[in-house]
Amino acid sequence: MPDIHFPDGSLVRAAGLQERAVEAAWRGHGLYLDVRWAPTWPAEVLDWPDLGTPTDDRGAAAAIRRTHRLARSGVHVEVGCLAGRGRTGTVLACIATLAGIPAEDAVAWVRRRLPGAVETSAQEAWVLHFASGAFDGPMQDEAVTEDPSGASTDQAQ
């Protein structure tokens, strides 16, 4: 389980399912890209097919941004998928862009720290789309709620 240290000071642990540790006292939050993780600790689980990209681009982008904010604030964060390489590496490359690594360098930067990371060209392209803001939307920093009259309202979080 390598710890990835980002230029902005954030730290994220990369993990595969075989390294799942239920009683990891150090972990404050997890972002998992495979439902088999079945976390019993504070975490988000995304629908993200193996060797693919997320089924909900905006939701995944928002979760990645939340995870980066937690890591940057000092929360011990773990990101994991089945093997801890492809989907995990894709998320780490996205976090790298948020931490100041240029988008075109993010995949190579992560691969130097996590060999085999980001397994497909579709995942590489997803990192670039993420960094371009293509998946930004209300889910990034706002929640849409219903007021009693039935009208939608945006609330900053």
C-alpha atoms as a PDB file:
ATOM      1  CA  MET A   1       0.000   0.000   0.000  1.00  0.00           C
ATOM      2  CA  PRO A   2       1.995   2.987  -1.178  1.00  0.00           C
ATOM      3  CA  ASP A   3       1.427   6.402   0.311  1.00  0.00           C
ATOM      4  CA  ILE A   4       1.363   9.088  -2.379  1.00  0.00           C
ATOM      5  CA  HIS A   5       2.676  12.487  -1.272  1.00  0.00           C
ATOM      6  CA  PHE A   6       1.346  15.333  -3.433  1.00  0.00           C
ATOM      7  CA  PRO A   7       3.032  18.714  -4.003  1.00  0.00           C
ATOM      8  CA  ASP A   8       0.347  20.561  -2.014  1.00  0.00           C
ATOM      9  CA  GLY A   9       1.129  18.494   1.088  1.00  0.00           C
ATOM     10  CA  SER A  10      -1.811  16.111   0.817  1.00  0.00           C
ATOM     11  CA  LEU A  11      -1.225  12.408   1.376  1.00  0.00           C
ATOM     12  CA  VAL A  12      -3.292   9.544  -0.028  1.00  0.00           C
ATOM     13  CA  ARG A  13      -2.819   5.812   0.459  1.00  0.00           C
ATOM     14  CA  ALA A  14      -3.405   3.652  -2.638  1.00  0.00           C
ATOM     15  CA  ALA A  15      -4.757   0.160  -1.979  1.00  0.00           C
ATOM     16  CA  GLY A  16      -6.051  -2.949  -3.666  1.00  0.00           C
ATOM     17  CA  LEU A  17      -8.873  -5.032  -2.270  1.00  0.00           C
ATOM     18  CA  GLN A  18      -6.417  -7.716  -1.089  1.00  0.00           C
ATOM     19  CA  GLU A  19      -4.980  -5.054   1.253  1.00  0.00           C
ATOM     20  CA  ARG A  20      -8.371  -4.191   2.789  1.00  0.00           C
ATOM     21  CA  ALA A  21      -7.863  -3.540   6.495  1.00  0.00           C
ATOM     22  CA  VAL A  22     -11.137  -3.190   8.391  1.00  0.00           C
ATOM     23  CA  GLU A  23      -9.489  -2.046  11.625  1.00  0.00           C
ATOM     24  CA  ALA A  24      -7.127   0.566  10.137  1.00  0.00           C
ATOM     25  CA  ALA A  25      -7.193   3.173  12.896  1.00  0.00           C
ATOM     26  CA  TRP A  26      -5.159   5.633  10.799  1.00  0.00           C
ATOM     27  CA  ARG A  27      -7.840   5.913   8.072  1.00  0.00           C
ATOM     28  CA  GLY A  28     -10.261   8.829   8.288  1.00  0.00           C
ATOM     29  CA  HIS A  29     -11.948   8.448   4.888  1.00  0.00           C
ATOM     30  CA  GLY A  30     -11.957   6.103   1.929  1.00  0.00           C
ATOM     31  CA  LEU A  31     -12.872   6.514  -1.728  1.00  0.00           C
ATOM     32  CA  TYR A  32     -13.460   3.109  -3.309  1.00  0.00           C
ATOM     33  CA  LEU A  33     -14.017   2.240  -6.920  1.00  0.00           C
ATOM     34  CA  ASP A  34     -15.239  -1.308  -6.407  1.00  0.00           C
ATOM     35  CA  VAL A  35     -18.315  -2.298  -4.374  1.00  0.00           C
ATOM     36  CA  ARG A  36     -16.482  -5.334  -2.995  1.00  0.00           C
ATOM     37  CA  TRP A  37     -14.658  -3.016  -0.599  1.00  0.00           C
ATOM     38  CA  ALA A  38     -17.908  -2.787   1.405  1.00  0.00           C
ATOM     39  CA  PRO A  39     -16.468  -0.257   3.861  1.00  0.00           C
ATOM     40  CA  THR A  40     -17.757  -0.094   7.419  1.00  0.00           C
ATOM     41  CA  TRP A  41     -15.831   3.154   7.995  1.00  0.00           C
ATOM     42  CA  PRO A  42     -16.392   6.687   6.606  1.00  0.00           C
ATOM     43  CA  ALA A  43     -16.187   6.261   2.836  1.00  0.00           C
ATOM     44  CA  GLU A  44     -17.700   6.771  -0.582  1.00  0.00           C
ATOM     45  CA  VAL A  45     -18.060   3.944  -3.097  1.00  0.00           C
ATOM     46  CA  LEU A  46     -18.357   4.841  -6.782  1.00  0.00           C
ATOM     47  CA  ASP A  47     -19.801   2.803  -9.629  1.00  0.00           C
ATOM     48  CA  TRP A  48     -16.665   2.538 -11.741  1.00  0.00           C
ATOM     49  CA  PRO A  49     -16.240  -0.570 -13.961  1.00  0.00           C
ATOM     50  CA  ASP A  50     -12.880  -2.336 -13.961  1.00  0.00           C
ATOM     51  CA  LEU A  51     -10.620  -1.040 -16.766  1.00  0.00           C
ATOM     52  CA  GLY A  52     -13.179   1.690 -17.464  1.00  0.00           C
ATOM     53  CA  THR A  53     -14.311   5.114 -16.401  1.00  0.00           C
ATOM     54  CA  PRO A  54     -17.037   6.111 -13.922  1.00  0.00           C
ATOM     55  CA  THR A  55     -20.683   5.597 -14.810  1.00  0.00           C
ATOM     56  CA  ASP A  56     -21.427   9.058 -13.319  1.00  0.00           C
ATOM     57  CA  ASP A  57     -18.696  11.471 -14.415  1.00  0.00           C
ATOM     58  CA  ARG A  58     -19.940  14.461 -12.422  1.00  0.00           C
ATOM     59  CA  GLY A  59     -20.563  12.431  -9.298  1.00  0.00           C
ATOM     60  CA  ALA A  60     -17.092  10.872  -9.513  1.00  0.00           C
ATOM     61  CA  ALA A  61     -15.463  14.261 -10.104  1.00  0.00           C
ATOM     62  CA  ALA A  62     -17.253  15.698  -7.077  1.00  0.00           C
ATOM     63  CA  ALA A  63     -16.172  12.723  -4.926  1.00  0.00           C
ATOM     64  CA  ILE A  64     -12.558  13.131  -6.065  1.00  0.00           C
ATOM     65  CA  ARG A  65     -12.625  16.830  -5.197  1.00  0.00           C
ATOM     66  CA  ARG A  66     -14.112  16.073  -1.760  1.00  0.00           C
ATOM     67  CA  THR A  67     -11.453  13.415  -1.182  1.00  0.00           C
ATOM     68  CA  HIS A  68      -8.683  15.836  -2.132  1.00  0.00           C
ATOM     69  CA  ARG A  69     -10.086  18.489   0.220  1.00  0.00           C
ATOM     70  CA  LEU A  70     -10.119  15.960   3.072  1.00  0.00           C
ATOM     71  CA  ALA A  71      -6.545  14.841   2.342  1.00  0.00           C
ATOM     72  CA  ARG A  72      -5.374  18.433   2.070  1.00  0.00           C
ATOM     73  CA  SER A  73      -6.957  19.216   5.447  1.00  0.00           C
ATOM     74  CA  GLY A  74      -4.917  16.414   7.037  1.00  0.00           C
ATOM     75  CA  VAL A  75      -7.473  13.582   7.051  1.00  0.00           C
ATOM     76  CA  HIS A  76      -5.835  10.219   6.329  1.00  0.00           C
ATOM     77  CA  VAL A  77      -7.402   9.113   3.055  1.00  0.00           C
ATOM     78  CA  GLU A  78      -7.339   5.775   1.246  1.00  0.00           C
ATOM     79  CA  VAL A  79      -8.265   5.259  -2.424  1.00  0.00           C
ATOM     80  CA  GLY A  80      -8.789   1.723  -3.658  1.00  0.00           C
ATOM     81  CA  CYS A  81     -10.131  -0.533  -6.379  1.00  0.00           C
ATOM     82  CA  LEU A  82      -9.661  -4.243  -7.047  1.00  0.00           C
ATOM     83  CA  ALA A  83      -5.905  -4.264  -7.728  1.00  0.00           C
ATOM     84  CA  GLY A  84      -5.116  -0.724  -6.605  1.00  0.00           C
ATOM     85  CA  ARG A  85      -3.710   0.305  -9.995  1.00  0.00           C
ATOM     86  CA  GLY A  86      -6.059   1.307 -12.848  1.00  0.00           C
ATOM     87  CA  ARG A  87      -9.046   3.042 -11.282  1.00  0.00           C
ATOM     88  CA  THR A  88      -7.041   3.975  -8.195  1.00  0.00           C
ATOM     89  CA  GLY A  89      -4.309   5.453 -10.373  1.00  0.00           C
ATOM     90  CA  THR A  90      -6.883   7.395 -12.371  1.00  0.00           C
ATOM     91  CA  VAL A  91      -8.229   8.995  -9.177  1.00  0.00           C
ATOM     92  CA  LEU A  92      -4.690   9.709  -7.974  1.00  0.00           C
ATOM     93  CA  ALA A  93      -3.864  11.399 -11.299  1.00  0.00           C
ATOM     94  CA  CYS A  94      -6.968  13.569 -10.906  1.00  0.00           C
ATOM     95  CA  ILE A  95      -5.908  14.455  -7.365  1.00  0.00           C
ATOM     96  CA  ALA A  96      -2.442  15.272  -8.741  1.00  0.00           C
ATOM     97  CA  THR A  97      -4.007  17.885 -11.038  1.00  0.00           C
ATOM     98  CA  LEU A  98      -5.806  19.413  -8.054  1.00  0.00           C
ATOM     99  CA  ALA A  99      -2.503  19.422  -6.159  1.00  0.00           C
ATOM    100  CA  GLY A 100      -0.745  21.424  -8.877  1.00  0.00           C
ATOM    101  CA  ILE A 101       0.647  18.850 -11.323  1.00  0.00           C
ATOM    102  CA  PRO A 102      -0.107  19.897 -14.934  1.00  0.00           C
ATOM    103  CA  ALA A 103      -2.822  17.683 -16.446  1.00  0.00           C
ATOM    104  CA  GLU A 104      -0.587  16.477 -19.267  1.00  0.00           C
ATOM    105  CA  ASP A 105       1.991  15.264 -16.707  1.00  0.00           C
ATOM    106  CA  ALA A 106      -0.362  13.831 -14.059  1.00  0.00           C
ATOM    107  CA  VAL A 107      -0.542  10.219 -15.301  1.00  0.00           C
ATOM    108  CA  ALA A 108       3.244   9.931 -15.680  1.00  0.00           C
ATOM    109  CA  TRP A 109       3.724  11.566 -12.255  1.00  0.00           C
ATOM    110  CA  VAL A 110       1.459   8.961 -10.625  1.00  0.00           C
ATOM    111  CA  ARG A 111       3.030   6.053 -12.563  1.00  0.00           C
ATOM    112  CA  ARG A 112       6.460   6.999 -11.174  1.00  0.00           C
ATOM    113  CA  ARG A 113       5.000   6.491  -7.687  1.00  0.00           C
ATOM    114  CA  LEU A 114       2.581   3.651  -8.465  1.00  0.00           C
ATOM    115  CA  PRO A 115       3.837   1.447 -11.333  1.00  0.00           C
ATOM    116  CA  GLY A 116       1.029   0.188 -13.559  1.00  0.00           C
ATOM    117  CA  ALA A 117      -1.314   3.028 -12.586  1.00  0.00           C
ATOM    118  CA  VAL A 118      -3.976   4.208 -15.053  1.00  0.00           C
ATOM    119  CA  GLU A 119      -4.366   1.091 -17.192  1.00  0.00           C
ATOM    120  CA  THR A 120      -6.276   2.249 -20.281  1.00  0.00           C
ATOM    121  CA  SER A 121      -6.283   5.105 -22.776  1.00  0.00           C
ATOM    122  CA  ALA A 122      -9.891   5.831 -21.748  1.00  0.00           C
ATOM    123  CA  GLN A 123      -8.710   6.343 -18.156  1.00  0.00           C
ATOM    124  CA  GLU A 124      -5.889   8.604 -19.374  1.00  0.00           C
ATOM    125  CA  ALA A 125      -8.413  10.667 -21.352  1.00  0.00           C
ATOM    126  CA  TRP A 126     -10.728  10.835 -18.328  1.00  0.00           C
ATOM    127  CA  VAL A 127      -7.961  12.479 -16.289  1.00  0.00           C
ATOM    128  CA  LEU A 128      -7.579  15.175 -18.954  1.00  0.00           C
ATOM    129  CA  HIS A 129     -11.344  15.738 -19.095  1.00  0.00           C
ATOM    130  CA  PHE A 130     -11.464  15.947 -15.294  1.00  0.00           C
ATOM    131  CA  ALA A 131      -8.647  18.505 -15.250  1.00  0.00           C
ATOM    132  CA  SER A 132     -10.329  20.577 -17.974  1.00  0.00           C
ATOM    133  CA  GLY A 133     -13.418  21.000 -15.804  1.00  0.00           C
ATOM    134  CA  ALA A 134     -15.598  19.027 -18.236  1.00  0.00           C
ATOM    135  CA  PHE A 135     -17.295  17.246 -15.323  1.00  0.00           C
ATOM    136  CA  ASP A 136     -17.840  20.324 -13.148  1.00  0.00           C
ATOM    137  CA  GLY A 137     -21.365  21.145 -12.181  1.00  0.00           C
ATOM    138  CA  PRO A 138     -23.608  21.837  -9.221  1.00  0.00           C
ATOM    139  CA  MET A 139     -22.478  18.612  -7.529  1.00  0.00           C
ATOM    140  CA  GLN A 140     -18.938  19.939  -7.131  1.00  0.00           C
ATOM    141  CA  ASP A 141     -19.555  22.405  -4.308  1.00  0.00           C
ATOM    142  CA  GLU A 142     -23.305  22.776  -4.059  1.00  0.00           C
ATOM    143  CA  ALA A 143     -26.237  20.643  -3.084  1.00  0.00           C
ATOM    144  CA  VAL A 144     -29.629  21.033  -4.692  1.00  0.00           C
ATOM    145  CA  THR A 145     -32.484  20.666  -2.220  1.00  0.00           C
ATOM    146  CA  GLU A 146     -36.237  20.989  -2.365  1.00  0.00           C
ATOM    147  CA  ASP A 147     -37.938  23.661  -0.295  1.00  0.00           C
ATOM    148  CA  PRO A 148     -41.458  23.044   1.098  1.00  0.00           C
ATOM    149  CA  SER A 149     -43.049  24.777  -1.915  1.00  0.00           C
ATOM    150  CA  GLY A 150     -41.404  22.233  -4.248  1.00  0.00           C
ATOM    151  CA  ALA A 151     -38.929  24.671  -5.820  1.00  0.00           C
ATOM    152  CA  SER A 152     -35.286  23.682  -6.124  1.00  0.00           C
ATOM    153  CA  THR A 153     -32.701  25.792  -4.334  1.00  0.00           C
ATOM    154  CA  ASP A 154     -28.920  25.704  -4.533  1.00  0.00           C
ATOM    155  CA  GLN A 155     -27.069  25.716  -1.248  1.00  0.00           C
ATOM    156  CA  ALA A 156     -23.318  26.258  -0.947  1.00  0.00           C
ATOM    157  CA  GLN A 157     -21.632  23.649   1.205  1.00  0.00           C
END
